[in-house]
Protein backbone atom coordinates (compact mmCIF):
# COMPACT_ATOMS: atom_id res chain seq x y z
CA MET A 1 91.74 130.88 105.64
CA LYS A 2 93.46 129.75 102.45
CA ARG A 3 96.96 128.33 102.79
CA ARG A 4 98.54 130.84 100.44
CA THR A 5 96.87 133.76 102.24
CA PHE A 6 98.34 133.07 105.64
CA ILE A 7 101.74 132.15 104.21
CA LYS A 8 101.85 135.65 102.71
CA LYS A 9 100.72 137.24 105.98
CA THR A 10 103.31 135.69 108.27
CA ALA A 11 107.03 135.03 108.24
CA LEU A 12 106.47 132.00 110.45
CA GLY A 13 105.36 129.12 108.30
CA THR A 14 105.02 126.80 111.28
CA ALA A 15 102.59 129.18 112.94
CA ALA A 16 100.68 129.46 109.69
CA ILE A 17 100.29 125.73 109.36
CA ALA A 18 99.27 125.49 113.00
CA LEU A 19 96.48 128.00 112.32
CA SER A 20 95.24 125.87 109.46
CA VAL A 21 94.83 122.80 111.66
CA ASN A 22 93.83 124.38 114.97
CA HIS A 23 90.27 123.22 114.42
CA LEU A 24 91.53 119.64 114.28
CA SER A 25 92.54 119.67 117.95
CA ALA A 26 88.95 120.41 118.94
CA GLU A 27 87.70 117.31 117.12
CA GLU A 28 88.78 114.93 119.83
CA SER A 29 86.99 111.96 118.34
CA TYR A 30 89.54 111.74 115.55
CA PRO A 31 93.00 110.21 115.91
CA GLU A 32 96.08 112.36 115.33
CA VAL A 33 97.84 109.62 113.38
CA VAL A 34 96.30 106.63 111.62
CA TRP A 35 98.16 103.42 110.76
CA VAL A 36 96.36 100.98 108.44
CA GLU A 37 97.88 97.69 107.27
CA ASN A 38 97.12 94.52 105.30
CA GLY A 39 95.47 96.03 102.25
CA GLU A 40 96.01 97.26 98.72
CA PRO A 41 96.93 100.95 98.26
CA LYS A 42 93.40 102.23 97.63
CA GLN A 43 91.97 100.10 100.45
CA LEU A 44 94.57 101.46 102.84
CA PHE A 45 93.87 105.05 101.85
CA ASP A 46 90.09 104.69 101.97
CA ARG A 47 90.17 103.28 105.49
CA ALA A 48 92.74 105.77 106.77
CA ILE A 49 90.91 108.82 105.46
CA LYS A 50 87.67 107.50 106.96
CA GLU A 51 89.32 106.99 110.37
CA ILE A 52 90.81 110.48 110.36
CA GLY A 53 87.46 112.10 109.58
CA GLY A 54 87.40 112.39 105.80
CA LEU A 55 89.40 114.44 103.34
CA GLY A 56 86.80 117.20 103.64
CA ARG A 57 88.42 118.12 106.97
CA PHE A 58 91.47 119.26 105.01
CA ILE A 59 90.26 120.18 101.51
CA SER A 60 87.55 122.78 100.86
CA LYS A 61 85.36 123.19 97.82
CA GLY A 62 87.18 125.18 95.14
CA ASP A 63 90.68 124.51 96.49
CA VAL A 64 93.72 124.15 94.28
CA VAL A 65 95.52 121.17 95.78
CA VAL A 66 99.09 119.98 95.33
CA VAL A 67 99.59 116.24 95.76
CA LYS A 68 103.35 115.86 96.23
CA PRO A 69 104.59 112.28 95.75
CA ASN A 70 108.16 111.12 95.32
CA ILE A 71 108.81 110.78 91.57
CA GLY A 72 112.54 111.31 91.86
CA TRP A 73 113.87 108.12 90.33
CA ASP A 74 113.71 106.23 87.05
CA ARG A 75 112.28 103.13 88.68
CA ALA A 76 109.20 100.95 88.22
CA PRO A 77 106.77 100.83 91.19
CA GLU A 78 107.96 97.47 92.48
CA TYR A 79 111.37 98.95 93.39
CA ALA A 80 109.82 101.26 96.04
CA ALA A 81 112.00 104.24 95.10
CA ASN A 82 108.92 106.31 94.24
CA THR A 83 105.45 106.66 95.71
CA ASN A 84 102.96 103.95 94.75
CA PRO A 85 101.02 105.18 91.69
CA GLU A 86 97.76 103.51 92.80
CA LEU A 87 97.86 105.50 96.03
CA VAL A 88 98.47 108.76 94.16
CA GLU A 89 95.49 108.05 91.92
CA ALA A 90 93.22 107.29 94.88
CA ILE A 91 94.18 110.53 96.65
CA ILE A 92 93.56 112.65 93.55
CA LYS A 93 90.14 111.14 92.97
CA GLU A 94 89.16 111.80 96.57
CA CYS A 95 90.32 115.43 96.29
CA PHE A 96 87.93 115.98 93.42
CA LYS A 97 85.20 114.10 95.25
CA VAL A 98 85.32 116.56 98.16
CA GLY A 99 85.29 119.57 95.83
CA ALA A 100 88.84 120.46 94.80
CA LYS A 101 88.89 122.71 91.74
CA LYS A 102 92.29 121.54 90.53
CA VAL A 103 94.91 119.01 91.60
CA LYS A 104 98.56 119.43 90.63
CA VAL A 105 101.21 116.71 90.79
CA PHE A 106 104.94 117.35 90.40
CA ASP A 107 108.36 116.58 91.84
CA ARG A 108 111.91 117.72 91.22
CA THR A 109 113.47 114.53 89.95
CA CYS A 110 117.03 113.28 90.34
CA ASN A 111 116.95 111.23 87.12
CA ASN A 112 115.54 112.27 83.74
CA PRO A 113 112.08 113.78 84.41
CA GLN A 114 110.34 112.18 81.44
CA ARG A 115 111.60 108.72 82.39
CA CYS A 116 110.83 109.18 86.09
CA TYR A 117 107.27 110.33 85.47
CA ARG A 118 106.65 107.58 82.94
CA ASN A 119 108.36 104.59 84.53
CA SER A 120 107.06 105.32 88.03
CA GLU A 121 103.57 105.13 86.41
CA ILE A 122 102.59 108.19 88.45
CA GLU A 123 102.10 110.43 85.43
CA LYS A 124 99.71 107.97 83.78
CA ARG A 125 97.70 107.36 86.96
CA ALA A 126 97.57 111.02 87.94
CA LYS A 127 96.38 112.16 84.53
CA ALA A 128 93.76 109.41 84.43
CA ALA A 129 92.44 110.71 87.76
CA GLY A 130 92.17 114.26 86.37
CA ALA A 131 95.27 115.88 87.83
CA GLU A 132 97.50 118.42 86.12
CA THR A 133 100.88 116.67 85.93
CA SER A 134 103.88 118.75 84.92
CA HIS A 135 107.66 118.75 85.00
CA MET A 136 109.11 121.43 87.25
CA LYS A 137 110.45 124.47 85.41
CA LYS A 138 113.51 126.50 86.42
CA ASN A 139 111.67 129.80 86.01
CA ARG A 140 108.87 128.84 88.41
CA TYR A 141 110.75 129.09 91.69
CA LYS A 142 110.32 131.89 94.19
CA SER A 143 112.91 132.90 96.75
CA ILE A 144 111.46 133.16 100.26
CA LYS A 145 112.97 134.71 103.38
CA LEU A 146 113.66 132.30 106.21
CA ASN A 147 114.34 132.84 109.88
CA GLY A 148 116.56 129.79 109.96
CA LYS A 149 119.64 129.03 112.01
CA LEU A 150 121.73 128.54 108.87
CA VAL A 151 119.45 129.15 105.88
CA LYS A 152 118.16 132.70 105.56
CA GLU A 153 116.71 132.45 102.05
CA TRP A 154 115.77 129.63 99.69
CA SER A 155 113.71 129.19 96.54
CA ILE A 156 110.55 127.07 96.58
CA TYR A 157 108.39 126.04 93.64
CA LYS A 158 105.67 128.63 93.04
CA ASP A 159 102.92 126.10 92.37
CA TYR A 160 103.57 124.66 95.82
CA LEU A 161 103.58 128.03 97.55
CA GLU A 162 100.45 129.22 95.75
CA ALA A 163 98.36 126.10 96.34
CA ASP A 164 95.45 126.33 98.74
CA LYS A 165 96.27 122.96 100.27
CA VAL A 166 99.12 120.45 100.06
CA ILE A 167 99.07 116.69 100.55
CA ASN A 168 102.55 115.25 101.05
CA VAL A 169 102.80 111.63 99.83
CA PRO A 170 106.28 110.15 100.39
CA VAL A 171 107.27 106.54 100.01
CA ALA A 172 108.94 105.07 103.10
CA LYS A 173 112.52 104.16 102.24
CA HIS A 174 116.09 103.91 103.37
CA HIS A 175 118.35 106.89 102.73
CA SER A 176 122.14 106.59 102.70
CA MET A 177 122.68 109.95 104.42
CA ALA A 178 119.49 110.61 106.44
CA ILE A 179 118.88 106.93 107.35
CA VAL A 180 115.23 107.25 106.29
CA SER A 181 113.35 109.28 103.72
CA LEU A 182 109.78 110.02 104.82
CA GLY A 183 107.53 113.09 104.94
CA LEU A 184 110.08 115.70 106.02
CA LYS A 185 112.66 114.55 103.49
CA ASN A 186 110.08 114.38 100.68
CA LEU A 187 109.56 118.14 100.87
CA MET A 188 113.00 118.60 99.31
CA GLY A 189 111.24 117.80 96.04
CA VAL A 190 109.91 121.39 95.91
CA TYR A 191 113.25 123.04 96.78
CA GLY A 192 115.03 125.09 94.15
CA ASP A 193 118.66 126.22 94.19
CA ASP A 194 121.53 123.78 94.74
CA ARG A 195 120.09 121.06 96.94
CA GLY A 196 123.57 119.66 97.48
CA LYS A 197 124.24 122.55 99.86
CA ILE A 198 121.55 121.19 102.17
CA HIS A 199 123.63 118.08 102.82
CA LYS A 200 126.14 120.00 104.96
CA GLN A 201 124.59 120.22 108.45
CA PHE A 202 121.62 118.53 106.85
CA SER A 203 119.16 118.36 109.74
CA THR A 204 119.45 122.05 110.63
CA ARG A 205 119.14 123.22 107.04
CA LEU A 206 116.22 120.90 106.30
CA VAL A 207 114.29 122.20 109.31
CA ASP A 208 115.18 125.82 108.49
CA ILE A 209 113.32 125.44 105.19
CA ASN A 210 110.62 122.93 106.08
CA LYS A 211 109.20 125.00 108.93
CA GLU A 212 107.92 127.44 106.31
CA ILE A 213 106.33 124.93 103.94
CA LEU A 214 104.62 122.21 105.98
CA PRO A 215 101.64 120.53 104.28
CA GLN A 216 98.08 120.13 105.50
CA LEU A 217 98.22 116.34 105.36
CA THR A 218 100.98 113.75 105.13
CA ILE A 219 100.27 110.27 103.80
CA ILE A 220 103.20 107.87 104.03
CA ASP A 221 103.20 105.08 101.49
CA GLY A 222 104.39 101.95 103.25
CA TYR A 223 102.89 99.47 100.82
CA ARG A 224 106.38 98.55 99.68
CA ILE A 225 109.37 99.91 101.58
CA LEU A 226 112.97 100.17 100.45
CA THR A 227 115.21 98.87 103.24
CA ALA A 228 118.69 99.43 101.76
CA HIS A 229 120.59 101.29 99.03
CA GLY A 230 118.18 104.21 99.14
CA PRO A 231 117.07 106.60 97.98
CA ARG A 232 117.64 105.26 94.48
CA GLY A 233 117.23 101.53 95.07
CA GLY A 234 117.32 99.15 92.13
CA ASN A 235 117.50 95.74 93.79
CA LEU A 236 114.25 93.91 94.50
CA GLU A 237 115.96 92.07 97.36
CA ASP A 238 115.96 95.40 99.23
CA VAL A 239 112.18 95.79 98.92
CA VAL A 240 109.82 94.53 101.63
CA LEU A 241 106.05 94.29 101.18
CA LYS A 242 104.48 95.91 104.27
CA LYS A 243 101.02 96.81 102.88
CA THR A 244 100.84 99.75 105.28
CA LEU A 245 99.79 103.42 105.13
CA ILE A 246 100.33 106.14 107.74
CA MET A 247 98.31 109.38 107.71
CA SER A 248 98.45 112.53 109.83
CA PRO A 249 98.02 116.30 109.57
CA CYS A 250 101.43 116.43 111.31
CA THR A 251 104.39 115.47 109.13
CA VAL A 252 106.71 115.07 112.11
CA ASN A 253 104.40 112.69 113.97
CA ALA A 254 103.73 110.70 110.79
CA ASP A 255 107.47 110.27 110.33
CA ILE A 256 107.95 109.18 113.94
CA ILE A 257 105.29 106.49 113.66
CA ALA A 258 106.67 105.34 110.29
CA LEU A 259 110.00 104.49 111.91
CA ASP A 260 108.33 101.30 113.14
CA LEU A 261 108.26 100.09 109.53
CA PHE A 262 112.05 99.83 109.71
CA GLY A 263 112.58 99.11 113.39
CA HIS A 264 114.40 102.42 113.90
CA LYS A 265 114.41 104.39 117.12
CA LEU A 266 113.58 108.10 117.17
CA GLU A 267 116.87 109.04 118.83
CA ASP A 268 118.75 107.64 115.82
CA ILE A 269 117.11 109.96 113.25
CA GLU A 270 118.68 113.39 113.60
CA HIS A 271 116.45 115.41 111.27
CA ILE A 272 113.24 114.21 112.95
CA ASN A 273 114.68 115.03 116.38
CA GLU A 274 115.69 118.47 115.16
CA SER A 275 112.13 119.03 113.91
CA LEU A 276 110.77 118.16 117.36
CA LYS A 277 113.26 120.40 119.16
CA ARG A 278 112.22 123.34 117.00
CA GLY A 279 108.49 122.76 117.31
CA LEU A 280 107.52 121.60 113.84
CA ASN A 281 105.22 118.99 115.36
CA ILE A 282 101.53 119.77 115.85
CA PHE A 283 100.88 117.01 118.38
CA ASP A 284 102.90 115.87 121.38
CA PRO A 285 104.45 112.50 120.48
CA LYS A 286 104.43 111.52 124.17
CA SER A 287 100.62 111.60 124.28
CA LEU A 288 99.85 110.92 120.65
CA LYS A 289 96.40 109.63 119.72
CA LEU A 290 97.32 106.82 117.35
CA LYS A 291 94.72 104.58 115.71
CA LYS A 292 95.96 101.28 114.28
CA VAL A 293 93.77 99.24 111.95
CA VAL A 294 94.48 95.82 110.45
CA LEU A 295 92.26 95.08 107.46
CA SER A 296 90.85 91.60 107.21
């Protein structure tokens, strides 16, 4: 079933996403989360996608795919405020290799969109790989009903909602309010409306919205991580080279495993705990099948 079809047919986005990955649980030979380290971005991605069973498990021939990186800041790649452009390029190329009809790349930026897309080098890399890269337009948001504790309605970018499949590609970084910005936080890049309102009772509001828009695959860029003064960054002394990538069909579990990049404990990250309490996770973190690979 296409992603957009079951989103239209149910008010429970979490249930819809679960339907889309139910077949994954039967494939017991594959890990639920993959951690690969000690490689360049493409090497990390190639090994991780192989370990998890290939991108063809998630993308079907003819799919329109959204690859959603973080492009929010007017920063060069070495500052780790945005997703690594080499990783974005590798993902796009693999999408086409397994039969995607179209790949779209976009993000709602915090700084000037033209400068963010250009200086992050994501626009150049994405276009070179064949993706449709566009700035998000105010008239392309759609308000959706939510069964949230606090948020009952919010607007989401139409291109995201209408995609057949979504690959969420955050960079792992410090965040001044949320402590870390990973897969769950990266989805705010497709929110419309006044995102500042989300900051009050942040964890509850984030989960209210995210439970309706979870992606098929989350790939956390831990090649360089921003350890302080996030999410904007700007000081190379805050950047640590980890040469790591984390991949999972479950955004929540990917985020939990990525906390090891920073040395954080799960109990300290409120929005990830809230996601677990409300069942946004696909796999049980207490019995998670994690595969770790160190490239030689």
